[in-house]
C-alpha atoms as a PDB file:
ATOM      1  CA  MET A   1     100.298  84.038 106.517  1.00  0.00           C
ATOM      2  CA  LEU A   2      97.759  85.290 103.989  1.00  0.00           C
ATOM      3  CA  ILE A   3      95.105  82.733 103.095  1.00  0.00           C
ATOM      4  CA  VAL A   4      93.113  83.761 100.031  1.00  0.00           C
ATOM      5  CA  PHE A   5      89.730  82.109  99.540  1.00  0.00           C
ATOM      6  CA  SER A   6      88.235  82.209  96.046  1.00  0.00           C
ATOM      7  CA  GLY A   7      85.113  80.749  94.490  1.00  0.00           C
ATOM      8  CA  LEU A   8      81.680  81.461  93.144  1.00  0.00           C
ATOM      9  CA  PRO A   9      78.883  82.662  95.418  1.00  0.00           C
ATOM     10  CA  GLY A  10      77.216  79.742  97.188  1.00  0.00           C
ATOM     11  CA  SER A  11      80.268  77.475  97.015  1.00  0.00           C
ATOM     12  CA  GLY A  12      80.699  77.617 100.797  1.00  0.00           C
ATOM     13  CA  LYS A  13      83.749  79.869 100.943  1.00  0.00           C
ATOM     14  CA  THR A  14      82.472  82.333 103.556  1.00  0.00           C
ATOM     15  CA  THR A  15      81.187  79.550 105.807  1.00  0.00           C
ATOM     16  CA  LEU A  16      84.541  77.812 105.557  1.00  0.00           C
ATOM     17  CA  ALA A  17      86.568  81.037 105.884  1.00  0.00           C
ATOM     18  CA  ARG A  18      84.715  81.926 109.093  1.00  0.00           C
ATOM     19  CA  ALA A  19      85.241  78.460 110.536  1.00  0.00           C
ATOM     20  CA  LEU A  20      88.942  78.622 109.703  1.00  0.00           C
ATOM     21  CA  ALA A  21      89.287  82.132 111.177  1.00  0.00           C
ATOM     22  CA  SER A  22      87.841  80.874 114.464  1.00  0.00           C
ATOM     23  CA  ALA A  23      89.978  77.740 114.488  1.00  0.00           C
ATOM     24  CA  LEU A  24      93.367  79.366 113.808  1.00  0.00           C
ATOM     25  CA  PRO A  25      92.583  82.208 114.962  1.00  0.00           C
ATOM     26  CA  ALA A  26      92.861  84.645 112.078  1.00  0.00           C
ATOM     27  CA  MET A  27      91.382  87.886 110.835  1.00  0.00           C
ATOM     28  CA  HIS A  28      88.494  87.258 108.419  1.00  0.00           C
ATOM     29  CA  LEU A  29      88.443  89.935 105.714  1.00  0.00           C
ATOM     30  CA  ARG A  30      85.297  89.646 103.600  1.00  0.00           C
ATOM     31  CA  ILE A  31      85.132  91.676 100.402  1.00  0.00           C
ATOM     32  CA  ASP A  32      81.304  91.656 100.371  1.00  0.00           C
ATOM     33  CA  THR A  33      81.311  93.464 103.734  1.00  0.00           C
ATOM     34  CA  LEU A  34      83.778  96.096 102.542  1.00  0.00           C
ATOM     35  CA  GLU A  35      81.988  96.628  99.243  1.00  0.00           C
ATOM     36  CA  GLN A  36      78.607  97.080 100.933  1.00  0.00           C
ATOM     37  CA  ALA A  37      80.104  99.512 103.453  1.00  0.00           C
ATOM     38  CA  ILE A  38      81.476 101.547 100.539  1.00  0.00           C
ATOM     39  CA  ARG A  39      78.026 101.534  98.884  1.00  0.00           C
ATOM     40  CA  ASN A  40      76.384 102.534 102.184  1.00  0.00           C
ATOM     41  CA  SER A  41      78.737 105.514 102.493  1.00  0.00           C
ATOM     42  CA  GLY A  42      77.103 107.074  99.447  1.00  0.00           C
ATOM     43  CA  ALA A  43      80.513 107.896  97.997  1.00  0.00           C
ATOM     44  CA  LEU A  44      80.042 105.415  95.163  1.00  0.00           C
ATOM     45  CA  ALA A  45      76.894 104.041  93.542  1.00  0.00           C
ATOM     46  CA  ASN A  46      76.110 100.399  92.757  1.00  0.00           C
ATOM     47  CA  ASP A  47      79.151  99.706  90.590  1.00  0.00           C
ATOM     48  CA  ILE A  48      82.029 100.350  92.950  1.00  0.00           C
ATOM     49  CA  GLY A  49      84.609  98.691  90.708  1.00  0.00           C
ATOM     50  CA  PRO A  50      87.721  97.433  92.485  1.00  0.00           C
ATOM     51  CA  ALA A  51      87.323  99.736  95.540  1.00  0.00           C
ATOM     52  CA  GLY A  52      86.494  96.877  97.917  1.00  0.00           C
ATOM     53  CA  TYR A  53      89.498  94.867  96.817  1.00  0.00           C
ATOM     54  CA  PHE A  54      91.851  97.837  97.171  1.00  0.00           C
ATOM     55  CA  ALA A  55      90.530  98.589 100.658  1.00  0.00           C
ATOM     56  CA  ALA A  56      91.018  94.927 101.559  1.00  0.00           C
ATOM     57  CA  TYR A  57      94.582  94.877 100.253  1.00  0.00           C
ATOM     58  CA  GLY A  58      95.481  97.746 102.584  1.00  0.00           C
ATOM     59  CA  VAL A  59      93.772  96.290 105.659  1.00  0.00           C
ATOM     60  CA  ALA A  60      95.290  92.867 104.982  1.00  0.00           C
ATOM     61  CA  GLU A  61      98.800  94.252 104.583  1.00  0.00           C
ATOM     62  CA  ASP A  62      98.549  96.269 107.810  1.00  0.00           C
ATOM     63  CA  ASN A  63      97.479  93.181 109.751  1.00  0.00           C
ATOM     64  CA  LEU A  64     100.022  90.872 108.129  1.00  0.00           C
ATOM     65  CA  ARG A  65     102.787  93.306 109.100  1.00  0.00           C
ATOM     66  CA  LEU A  66     101.571  92.995 112.709  1.00  0.00           C
ATOM     67  CA  GLY A  67     102.082  89.240 112.468  1.00  0.00           C
ATOM     68  CA  HIS A  68      98.414  88.299 112.168  1.00  0.00           C
ATOM     69  CA  THR A  69      97.117  85.575 109.914  1.00  0.00           C
ATOM     70  CA  VAL A  70      94.618  87.069 107.461  1.00  0.00           C
ATOM     71  CA  ILE A  71      91.919  85.220 105.541  1.00  0.00           C
ATOM     72  CA  ALA A  72      90.743  87.100 102.444  1.00  0.00           C
ATOM     73  CA  ASP A  73      87.261  85.977 101.395  1.00  0.00           C
ATOM     74  CA  SER A  74      86.021  86.919  97.924  1.00  0.00           C
ATOM     75  CA  VAL A  75      85.065  85.549  94.532  1.00  0.00           C
ATOM     76  CA  ASN A  76      88.569  86.577  93.395  1.00  0.00           C
ATOM     77  CA  PRO A  77      87.661  85.753  89.793  1.00  0.00           C
ATOM     78  CA  LEU A  78      90.508  87.296  87.831  1.00  0.00           C
ATOM     79  CA  PRO A  79      94.256  86.761  87.532  1.00  0.00           C
ATOM     80  CA  VAL A  80      94.853  90.450  88.352  1.00  0.00           C
ATOM     81  CA  THR A  81      93.204  90.201  91.795  1.00  0.00           C
ATOM     82  CA  ARG A  82      94.966  86.916  92.484  1.00  0.00           C
ATOM     83  CA  GLU A  83      98.311  88.514  91.624  1.00  0.00           C
ATOM     84  CA  ASP A  84      97.480  91.535  93.787  1.00  0.00           C
ATOM     85  CA  TRP A  85      96.915  89.301  96.832  1.00  0.00           C
ATOM     86  CA  HIS A  86     100.325  87.727  96.280  1.00  0.00           C
ATOM     87  CA  SER A  87     101.863  91.200  96.053  1.00  0.00           C
ATOM     88  CA  VAL A  88     100.286  92.072  99.415  1.00  0.00           C
ATOM     89  CA  ALA A  89     101.851  88.988 101.017  1.00  0.00           C
ATOM     90  CA  LEU A  90     105.213  89.701  99.396  1.00  0.00           C
ATOM     91  CA  ARG A  91     105.272  93.297 100.669  1.00  0.00           C
ATOM     92  CA  ALA A  92     104.342  92.064 104.150  1.00  0.00           C
ATOM     93  CA  GLY A  93     107.037  89.382 104.033  1.00  0.00           C
ATOM     94  CA  THR A  94     104.729  86.427 104.505  1.00  0.00           C
ATOM     95  CA  ALA A  95     103.451  83.364 102.670  1.00  0.00           C
ATOM     96  CA  CYS A  96     100.301  83.350 100.551  1.00  0.00           C
ATOM     97  CA  LEU A  97      98.112  80.265 100.243  1.00  0.00           C
ATOM     98  CA  ASP A  98      95.398  80.172  97.559  1.00  0.00           C
ATOM     99  CA  ILE A  99      92.260  78.168  98.328  1.00  0.00           C
ATOM    100  CA  GLU A 100      89.567  77.717  95.682  1.00  0.00           C
ATOM    101  CA  VAL A 101      86.249  76.585  97.136  1.00  0.00           C
ATOM    102  CA  VAL A 102      83.912  74.794  94.744  1.00  0.00           C
ATOM    103  CA  CYS A 103      80.636  72.932  95.001  1.00  0.00           C
ATOM    104  CA  SER A 104      80.846  70.315  92.262  1.00  0.00           C
ATOM    105  CA  ASN A 105      77.238  69.204  92.688  1.00  0.00           C
ATOM    106  CA  ARG A 106      75.290  71.660  90.531  1.00  0.00           C
ATOM    107  CA  THR A 107      71.956  70.853  92.202  1.00  0.00           C
ATOM    108  CA  GLU A 108      73.378  71.422  95.676  1.00  0.00           C
ATOM    109  CA  HIS A 109      75.132  74.601  94.566  1.00  0.00           C
ATOM    110  CA  ARG A 110      71.909  75.986  93.090  1.00  0.00           C
ATOM    111  CA  ARG A 111      69.955  75.099  96.242  1.00  0.00           C
ATOM    112  CA  ARG A 112      72.501  76.967  98.361  1.00  0.00           C
ATOM    113  CA  VAL A 113      72.322  80.064  96.173  1.00  0.00           C
ATOM    114  CA  GLU A 114      68.524  80.080  96.073  1.00  0.00           C
ATOM    115  CA  THR A 115      67.939  79.436  99.791  1.00  0.00           C
ATOM    116  CA  ARG A 116      70.656  81.347 101.589  1.00  0.00           C
ATOM    117  CA  ASP A 117      69.949  84.303 103.807  1.00  0.00           C
ATOM    118  CA  GLY A 118      72.065  87.403 103.604  1.00  0.00           C
ATOM    119  CA  ASP A 119      73.896  88.609 106.689  1.00  0.00           C
ATOM    120  CA  ILE A 120      75.102  91.974 105.361  1.00  0.00           C
ATOM    121  CA  ALA A 121      72.486  94.718 105.603  1.00  0.00           C
ATOM    122  CA  GLY A 122      71.638  96.105 102.173  1.00  0.00           C
ATOM    123  CA  LEU A 123      73.596  93.542 100.161  1.00  0.00           C
ATOM    124  CA  ARG A 124      71.603  92.021  97.310  1.00  0.00           C
ATOM    125  CA  LEU A 125      72.506  88.363  96.985  1.00  0.00           C
ATOM    126  CA  PRO A 126      73.061  86.996  93.484  1.00  0.00           C
ATOM    127  CA  ASN A 127      70.523  84.677  91.910  1.00  0.00           C
ATOM    128  CA  TRP A 128      71.451  81.393  90.249  1.00  0.00           C
ATOM    129  CA  GLU A 129      71.524  82.904  86.761  1.00  0.00           C
ATOM    130  CA  SER A 130      74.031  85.565  87.796  1.00  0.00           C
ATOM    131  CA  VAL A 131      76.202  82.974  89.569  1.00  0.00           C
ATOM    132  CA  THR A 132      76.353  80.757  86.478  1.00  0.00           C
ATOM    133  CA  ALA A 133      77.091  83.773  84.252  1.00  0.00           C
ATOM    134  CA  HIS A 134      79.769  85.168  86.599  1.00  0.00           C
ATOM    135  CA  ASP A 135      83.098  85.995  84.970  1.00  0.00           C
ATOM    136  CA  TYR A 136      85.474  83.516  86.645  1.00  0.00           C
ATOM    137  CA  THR A 137      88.825  82.733  85.037  1.00  0.00           C
ATOM    138  CA  PRO A 138      90.166  79.223  85.687  1.00  0.00           C
ATOM    139  CA  TRP A 139      93.352  79.163  87.733  1.00  0.00           C
ATOM    140  CA  SER A 140      96.642  78.942  85.836  1.00  0.00           C
ATOM    141  CA  THR A 141      98.787  78.972  88.986  1.00  0.00           C
ATOM    142  CA  PRO A 142      98.892  76.457  91.848  1.00  0.00           C
ATOM    143  CA  VAL A 143      95.750  76.496  93.974  1.00  0.00           C
ATOM    144  CA  VAL A 144      94.326  74.149  96.580  1.00  0.00           C
ATOM    145  CA  THR A 145      90.774  73.157  95.678  1.00  0.00           C
ATOM    146  CA  ILE A 146      88.278  72.290  98.402  1.00  0.00           C
ATOM    147  CA  ASP A 147      85.067  70.687  97.145  1.00  0.00           C
ATOM    148  CA  THR A 148      82.262  71.282  99.646  1.00  0.00           C
ATOM    149  CA  ALA A 149      79.637  69.188  97.834  1.00  0.00           C
ATOM    150  CA  GLY A 150      78.153  66.605 100.183  1.00  0.00           C
ATOM    151  CA  ARG A 151      80.673  67.422 102.924  1.00  0.00           C
ATOM    152  CA  THR A 152      80.278  68.961 106.345  1.00  0.00           C
ATOM    153  CA  VAL A 153      81.962  72.195 107.311  1.00  0.00           C
ATOM    154  CA  GLU A 154      83.906  70.206 109.909  1.00  0.00           C
ATOM    155  CA  ALA A 155      85.277  67.782 107.304  1.00  0.00           C
ATOM    156  CA  CYS A 156      86.377  70.634 105.035  1.00  0.00           C
ATOM    157  CA  LEU A 157      87.881  72.497 107.999  1.00  0.00           C
ATOM    158  CA  THR A 158      89.872  69.431 109.066  1.00  0.00           C
ATOM    159  CA  GLN A 159      91.276  69.155 105.540  1.00  0.00           C
ATOM    160  CA  LEU A 160      92.221  72.847 105.524  1.00  0.00           C
ATOM    161  CA  LEU A 161      93.856  72.787 108.960  1.00  0.00           C
ATOM    162  CA  SER A 162      95.949  69.782 107.963  1.00  0.00           C
ATOM    163  CA  LEU A 163      97.058  71.561 104.804  1.00  0.00           C
ATOM    164  CA  ILE A 164      97.898  74.788 106.638  1.00  0.00           C
ATOM    165  CA  ASN A 165      99.906  72.910 109.268  1.00  0.00           C
ATOM    166  CA  THR A 166     101.886  71.261 106.466  1.00  0.00           C
ATOM    167  CA  VAL A 167     102.547  74.609 104.760  1.00  0.00           C
ATOM    168  CA  ARG A 168     103.603  76.258 108.033  1.00  0.00           C
ATOM    169  CA  SER A 169     106.084  73.513 108.989  1.00  0.00           C
END
């Protein structure tokens, strides 16, 4: 199964994706990590375009074909990237579940963005202004929305595990 996490920076998607990867278990494939590795290689400058996504599609497909569950973790802001993830799952012969992570409390979301520590060497974290200005197209296809505002990671994880068990059965 391919589980695709989407959402703005600071919504809680990476925290939740990591928790889910440990609980299932599954492979956690984080676009930020791939993109920063590409930048660090020196092959591309700051604007690496879709290179991180394309690298992730390949790694995800390889692992799905081996029978692994893969969690793709990225902003995933555009219909084209969302469609590409579904194409990966289709080629691998597995299901694709879209999860949009939001933080509906604007004050809490801003606090998260402004106080979080980065865990990827060299990656510049976005500020609140860039998060609010981020190009993010609303979903036009079915997506499960998880609102992390005022909720613990454990509560969100329980909701996700229940949903995944329903989808798998």
